[in-house]
Amino acid sequence: MLTPSEIELLRQDLRAALKALGQDEIDDAHTLMREQGFRSKDFEILQRAAPSPPLPSAAAGTVVVTRRINKASRTYVAVDGSTWLEQLDADLKSGVFGRRK
């Protein structure tokens, strides 16, 4: 039988395992949006961890960025060392998410 503190630790580990991104990457995505003339609050960033990452210590998964006002959406692969932020920046610049403010 697990103690309440052990159960809480397992819950924390599960929540961490379900995330593909760190907060710094999310902050960087919001910065890119603002730099390209968008309001970051107009976007939703959903992340899903891969069910079995390629390496036990590597974070892996997908990131879905959606602009709420027009429902424009793009899915990016997020693994350790991936270029999803550069891809997002290119998509923002090319109009994938629509017109700026």
N, C-alpha and C. Protein backbone atom coordinates (compact mmCIF):
# COMPACT_ATOMS: atom_id res chain seq x y z
N MET A 1 0.84 -1.17 0.00
CA MET A 1 0.00 0.00 0.00
C MET A 1 0.90 1.24 0.00
N LEU A 2 0.56 2.21 -0.87
CA LEU A 2 1.34 3.44 -0.95
C LEU A 2 0.84 4.45 0.08
N THR A 3 1.78 5.24 0.56
CA THR A 3 1.41 6.31 1.48
C THR A 3 0.88 7.49 0.66
N PRO A 4 0.15 8.41 1.28
CA PRO A 4 -0.34 9.59 0.55
C PRO A 4 0.78 10.39 -0.11
N SER A 5 1.92 10.49 0.55
CA SER A 5 3.03 11.26 -0.05
C SER A 5 3.61 10.53 -1.26
N GLU A 6 3.65 9.20 -1.23
CA GLU A 6 4.13 8.44 -2.38
C GLU A 6 3.16 8.57 -3.56
N ILE A 7 1.88 8.56 -3.27
CA ILE A 7 0.87 8.74 -4.31
C ILE A 7 1.02 10.12 -4.96
N GLU A 8 1.24 11.14 -4.16
CA GLU A 8 1.42 12.50 -4.70
C GLU A 8 2.66 12.58 -5.57
N LEU A 9 3.74 11.94 -5.16
CA LEU A 9 4.96 11.92 -5.98
C LEU A 9 4.71 11.23 -7.33
N LEU A 10 3.97 10.15 -7.32
CA LEU A 10 3.63 9.46 -8.57
C LEU A 10 2.78 10.35 -9.47
N ARG A 11 1.85 11.07 -8.89
CA ARG A 11 1.01 11.99 -9.68
C ARG A 11 1.87 13.08 -10.31
N GLN A 12 2.80 13.62 -9.55
CA GLN A 12 3.69 14.66 -10.09
C GLN A 12 4.52 14.11 -11.24
N ASP A 13 5.05 12.89 -11.08
CA ASP A 13 5.83 12.27 -12.14
C ASP A 13 4.98 12.05 -13.39
N LEU A 14 3.74 11.63 -13.21
CA LEU A 14 2.85 11.41 -14.34
C LEU A 14 2.57 12.73 -15.07
N ARG A 15 2.28 13.79 -14.33
CA ARG A 15 2.04 15.10 -14.96
C ARG A 15 3.26 15.55 -15.74
N ALA A 16 4.44 15.37 -15.17
CA ALA A 16 5.68 15.75 -15.87
C ALA A 16 5.90 14.89 -17.11
N ALA A 17 5.58 13.62 -17.03
CA ALA A 17 5.77 12.71 -18.16
C ALA A 17 4.84 13.03 -19.32
N LEU A 18 3.70 13.64 -19.05
CA LEU A 18 2.74 13.96 -20.10
C LEU A 18 3.07 15.25 -20.83
N LYS A 19 4.09 15.94 -20.41
CA LYS A 19 4.48 17.19 -21.06
C LYS A 19 5.68 16.96 -21.98
N ALA A 20 5.61 17.56 -23.14
CA ALA A 20 6.70 17.43 -24.10
C ALA A 20 7.62 18.65 -24.05
N LEU A 21 7.15 19.73 -23.45
CA LEU A 21 7.88 21.00 -23.45
C LEU A 21 8.18 21.47 -22.04
N GLY A 22 9.22 22.25 -21.94
CA GLY A 22 9.49 22.95 -20.71
C GLY A 22 8.84 24.33 -20.79
N GLN A 23 8.68 24.97 -19.66
CA GLN A 23 8.07 26.30 -19.63
C GLN A 23 8.88 27.31 -20.45
N ASP A 24 10.19 27.12 -20.52
CA ASP A 24 11.02 28.04 -21.30
C ASP A 24 10.67 27.99 -22.79
N GLU A 25 10.36 26.81 -23.30
CA GLU A 25 9.97 26.71 -24.71
C GLU A 25 8.61 27.35 -24.97
N ILE A 26 7.70 27.20 -24.06
CA ILE A 26 6.40 27.84 -24.20
C ILE A 26 6.56 29.36 -24.17
N ASP A 27 7.38 29.84 -23.25
CA ASP A 27 7.67 31.28 -23.19
C ASP A 27 8.31 31.77 -24.49
N ASP A 28 9.23 30.98 -25.04
CA ASP A 28 9.88 31.34 -26.31
C ASP A 28 8.86 31.42 -27.44
N ALA A 29 7.90 30.49 -27.46
CA ALA A 29 6.86 30.51 -28.49
C ALA A 29 6.03 31.78 -28.39
N HIS A 30 5.66 32.16 -27.18
CA HIS A 30 4.89 33.40 -26.98
C HIS A 30 5.71 34.63 -27.41
N THR A 31 6.99 34.61 -27.14
CA THR A 31 7.85 35.72 -27.56
C THR A 31 7.89 35.81 -29.08
N LEU A 32 8.02 34.67 -29.76
CA LEU A 32 8.02 34.67 -31.23
C LEU A 32 6.72 35.25 -31.78
N MET A 33 5.62 34.88 -31.17
CA MET A 33 4.31 35.39 -31.62
C MET A 33 4.26 36.90 -31.52
N ARG A 34 4.70 37.42 -30.38
CA ARG A 34 4.69 38.88 -30.19
C ARG A 34 5.67 39.57 -31.14
N GLU A 35 6.84 38.98 -31.34
CA GLU A 35 7.83 39.57 -32.25
C GLU A 35 7.31 39.65 -33.68
N GLN A 36 6.43 38.72 -34.05
CA GLN A 36 5.87 38.70 -35.40
C GLN A 36 4.57 39.51 -35.51
N GLY A 37 4.23 40.22 -34.44
CA GLY A 37 3.07 41.11 -34.50
C GLY A 37 1.75 40.49 -34.10
N PHE A 38 1.78 39.31 -33.49
CA PHE A 38 0.57 38.65 -33.03
C PHE A 38 0.41 38.85 -31.52
N ARG A 39 -0.81 38.67 -31.05
CA ARG A 39 -1.05 38.66 -29.61
C ARG A 39 -0.96 37.20 -29.15
N SER A 40 -0.05 36.94 -28.26
CA SER A 40 0.16 35.55 -27.84
C SER A 40 -1.07 34.97 -27.14
N LYS A 41 -1.89 35.82 -26.55
CA LYS A 41 -3.10 35.32 -25.88
C LYS A 41 -4.14 34.81 -26.89
N ASP A 42 -3.95 35.11 -28.16
CA ASP A 42 -4.85 34.61 -29.21
C ASP A 42 -4.53 33.17 -29.61
N PHE A 43 -3.46 32.62 -29.05
CA PHE A 43 -3.01 31.28 -29.42
C PHE A 43 -3.18 30.31 -28.25
N GLU A 44 -3.40 29.06 -28.63
CA GLU A 44 -3.42 27.98 -27.66
C GLU A 44 -2.31 27.01 -28.02
N ILE A 45 -1.56 26.59 -27.02
CA ILE A 45 -0.48 25.63 -27.24
C ILE A 45 -0.82 24.37 -26.44
N LEU A 46 -1.05 23.28 -27.17
CA LEU A 46 -1.32 21.99 -26.53
C LEU A 46 -0.14 21.08 -26.78
N GLN A 47 0.21 20.33 -25.78
CA GLN A 47 1.34 19.42 -25.94
C GLN A 47 0.96 18.02 -25.48
N ARG A 48 1.53 17.05 -26.18
CA ARG A 48 1.32 15.66 -25.82
C ARG A 48 2.66 14.95 -25.86
N ALA A 49 2.96 14.27 -24.79
CA ALA A 49 4.18 13.48 -24.76
C ALA A 49 3.99 12.22 -25.58
N ALA A 50 5.05 11.75 -26.17
CA ALA A 50 5.00 10.49 -26.91
C ALA A 50 4.80 9.35 -25.92
N PRO A 51 4.03 8.35 -26.29
CA PRO A 51 3.80 7.24 -25.36
C PRO A 51 5.08 6.52 -24.94
N SER A 52 6.02 6.42 -25.86
CA SER A 52 7.31 5.81 -25.51
C SER A 52 8.40 6.61 -26.20
N PRO A 53 9.01 7.55 -25.46
CA PRO A 53 10.06 8.37 -26.07
C PRO A 53 11.23 7.51 -26.56
N PRO A 54 11.99 8.01 -27.55
CA PRO A 54 13.08 7.24 -28.12
C PRO A 54 14.15 6.87 -27.10
N LEU A 55 14.40 7.74 -26.15
CA LEU A 55 15.36 7.47 -25.08
C LEU A 55 14.66 7.72 -23.76
N PRO A 56 14.99 6.97 -22.74
CA PRO A 56 14.29 7.15 -21.46
C PRO A 56 14.37 8.57 -20.91
N SER A 57 15.43 9.29 -21.16
CA SER A 57 15.56 10.62 -20.58
C SER A 57 15.13 11.74 -21.54
N ALA A 58 14.85 11.40 -22.78
CA ALA A 58 14.53 12.43 -23.76
C ALA A 58 13.04 12.75 -23.74
N ALA A 59 12.73 14.04 -23.68
CA ALA A 59 11.34 14.47 -23.80
C ALA A 59 10.96 14.42 -25.28
N ALA A 60 9.82 13.85 -25.57
CA ALA A 60 9.39 13.75 -26.96
C ALA A 60 7.88 13.83 -27.02
N GLY A 61 7.38 14.36 -28.12
CA GLY A 61 5.94 14.44 -28.29
C GLY A 61 5.59 15.39 -29.42
N THR A 62 4.37 15.89 -29.36
CA THR A 62 3.91 16.83 -30.37
C THR A 62 3.38 18.08 -29.68
N VAL A 63 3.44 19.17 -30.44
CA VAL A 63 2.92 20.45 -29.99
C VAL A 63 1.94 20.92 -31.04
N VAL A 64 0.73 21.26 -30.61
CA VAL A 64 -0.27 21.78 -31.53
C VAL A 64 -0.50 23.24 -31.17
N VAL A 65 -0.22 24.12 -32.12
CA VAL A 65 -0.42 25.56 -31.93
C VAL A 65 -1.64 25.95 -32.75
N THR A 66 -2.61 26.57 -32.09
CA THR A 66 -3.85 26.99 -32.75
C THR A 66 -4.11 28.45 -32.44
N ARG A 67 -4.43 29.19 -33.49
CA ARG A 67 -4.86 30.57 -33.30
C ARG A 67 -6.37 30.55 -33.11
N ARG A 68 -6.81 31.01 -31.97
CA ARG A 68 -8.21 30.87 -31.59
C ARG A 68 -9.17 31.61 -32.52
N ILE A 69 -8.79 32.79 -33.02
CA ILE A 69 -9.75 33.61 -33.76
C ILE A 69 -10.10 33.05 -35.14
N ASN A 70 -9.18 32.28 -35.73
CA ASN A 70 -9.48 31.72 -37.05
C ASN A 70 -9.31 30.20 -37.12
N LYS A 71 -8.98 29.61 -35.99
CA LYS A 71 -8.81 28.15 -35.87
C LYS A 71 -7.66 27.60 -36.72
N ALA A 72 -6.78 28.48 -37.21
CA ALA A 72 -5.61 28.00 -37.95
C ALA A 72 -4.73 27.22 -36.97
N SER A 73 -4.28 26.05 -37.42
CA SER A 73 -3.58 25.16 -36.51
C SER A 73 -2.43 24.47 -37.23
N ARG A 74 -1.40 24.17 -36.49
CA ARG A 74 -0.25 23.44 -37.03
C ARG A 74 0.30 22.54 -35.93
N THR A 75 0.70 21.33 -36.32
CA THR A 75 1.28 20.37 -35.38
C THR A 75 2.77 20.27 -35.64
N TYR A 76 3.54 20.30 -34.57
CA TYR A 76 5.00 20.23 -34.65
C TYR A 76 5.48 19.04 -33.82
N VAL A 77 6.56 18.43 -34.27
CA VAL A 77 7.20 17.36 -33.51
C VAL A 77 8.16 18.02 -32.53
N ALA A 78 8.04 17.63 -31.27
CA ALA A 78 8.90 18.21 -30.24
C ALA A 78 9.70 17.09 -29.57
N VAL A 79 10.95 17.03 -29.91
CA VAL A 79 11.88 16.11 -29.25
C VAL A 79 13.08 16.92 -28.83
N ASP A 80 13.86 16.36 -27.96
CA ASP A 80 15.04 17.07 -27.50
C ASP A 80 15.91 17.47 -28.68
N GLY A 81 16.15 18.75 -28.83
CA GLY A 81 16.96 19.24 -29.94
C GLY A 81 16.18 19.51 -31.22
N SER A 82 14.84 19.44 -31.16
CA SER A 82 14.06 19.67 -32.37
C SER A 82 14.02 21.16 -32.72
N THR A 83 13.54 21.43 -33.91
CA THR A 83 13.50 22.81 -34.40
C THR A 83 12.07 23.33 -34.48
N TRP A 84 11.19 22.86 -33.61
CA TRP A 84 9.79 23.25 -33.71
C TRP A 84 9.61 24.75 -33.55
N LEU A 85 10.44 25.40 -32.73
CA LEU A 85 10.30 26.85 -32.56
C LEU A 85 10.68 27.59 -33.85
N GLU A 86 11.71 27.10 -34.53
CA GLU A 86 12.08 27.71 -35.81
C GLU A 86 10.98 27.50 -36.85
N GLN A 87 10.35 26.33 -36.82
CA GLN A 87 9.25 26.05 -37.74
C GLN A 87 8.05 26.94 -37.43
N LEU A 88 7.76 27.13 -36.15
CA LEU A 88 6.68 28.04 -35.75
C LEU A 88 6.97 29.45 -36.24
N ASP A 89 8.19 29.92 -36.05
CA ASP A 89 8.57 31.26 -36.49
C ASP A 89 8.36 31.41 -38.00
N ALA A 90 8.78 30.43 -38.77
CA ALA A 90 8.59 30.47 -40.23
C ALA A 90 7.11 30.49 -40.59
N ASP A 91 6.30 29.71 -39.88
CA ASP A 91 4.86 29.67 -40.15
C ASP A 91 4.19 30.99 -39.79
N LEU A 92 4.62 31.61 -38.70
CA LEU A 92 4.08 32.93 -38.33
C LEU A 92 4.40 33.96 -39.41
N LYS A 93 5.64 33.92 -39.90
CA LYS A 93 6.08 34.87 -40.93
C LYS A 93 5.37 34.65 -42.26
N SER A 94 5.07 33.39 -42.60
CA SER A 94 4.51 33.08 -43.92
C SER A 94 2.99 33.18 -43.98
N GLY A 95 2.35 33.45 -42.86
CA GLY A 95 0.90 33.64 -42.88
C GLY A 95 0.07 32.41 -42.59
N VAL A 96 0.70 31.33 -42.16
CA VAL A 96 -0.05 30.11 -41.85
C VAL A 96 -1.15 30.38 -40.83
N PHE A 97 -0.89 31.27 -39.89
CA PHE A 97 -1.85 31.57 -38.83
C PHE A 97 -2.71 32.80 -39.14
N GLY A 98 -2.62 33.28 -40.35
CA GLY A 98 -3.43 34.42 -40.74
C GLY A 98 -2.69 35.73 -40.59
N ARG A 99 -3.45 36.80 -40.70
CA ARG A 99 -2.89 38.15 -40.61
C ARG A 99 -2.59 38.51 -39.17
N ARG A 100 -1.63 39.38 -39.04
CA ARG A 100 -1.25 39.88 -37.72
C ARG A 100 -2.31 40.81 -37.18
N LYS A 101 -2.27 41.04 -35.91
CA LYS A 101 -3.25 41.89 -35.20
C LYS A 101 -4.14 42.62 -36.12
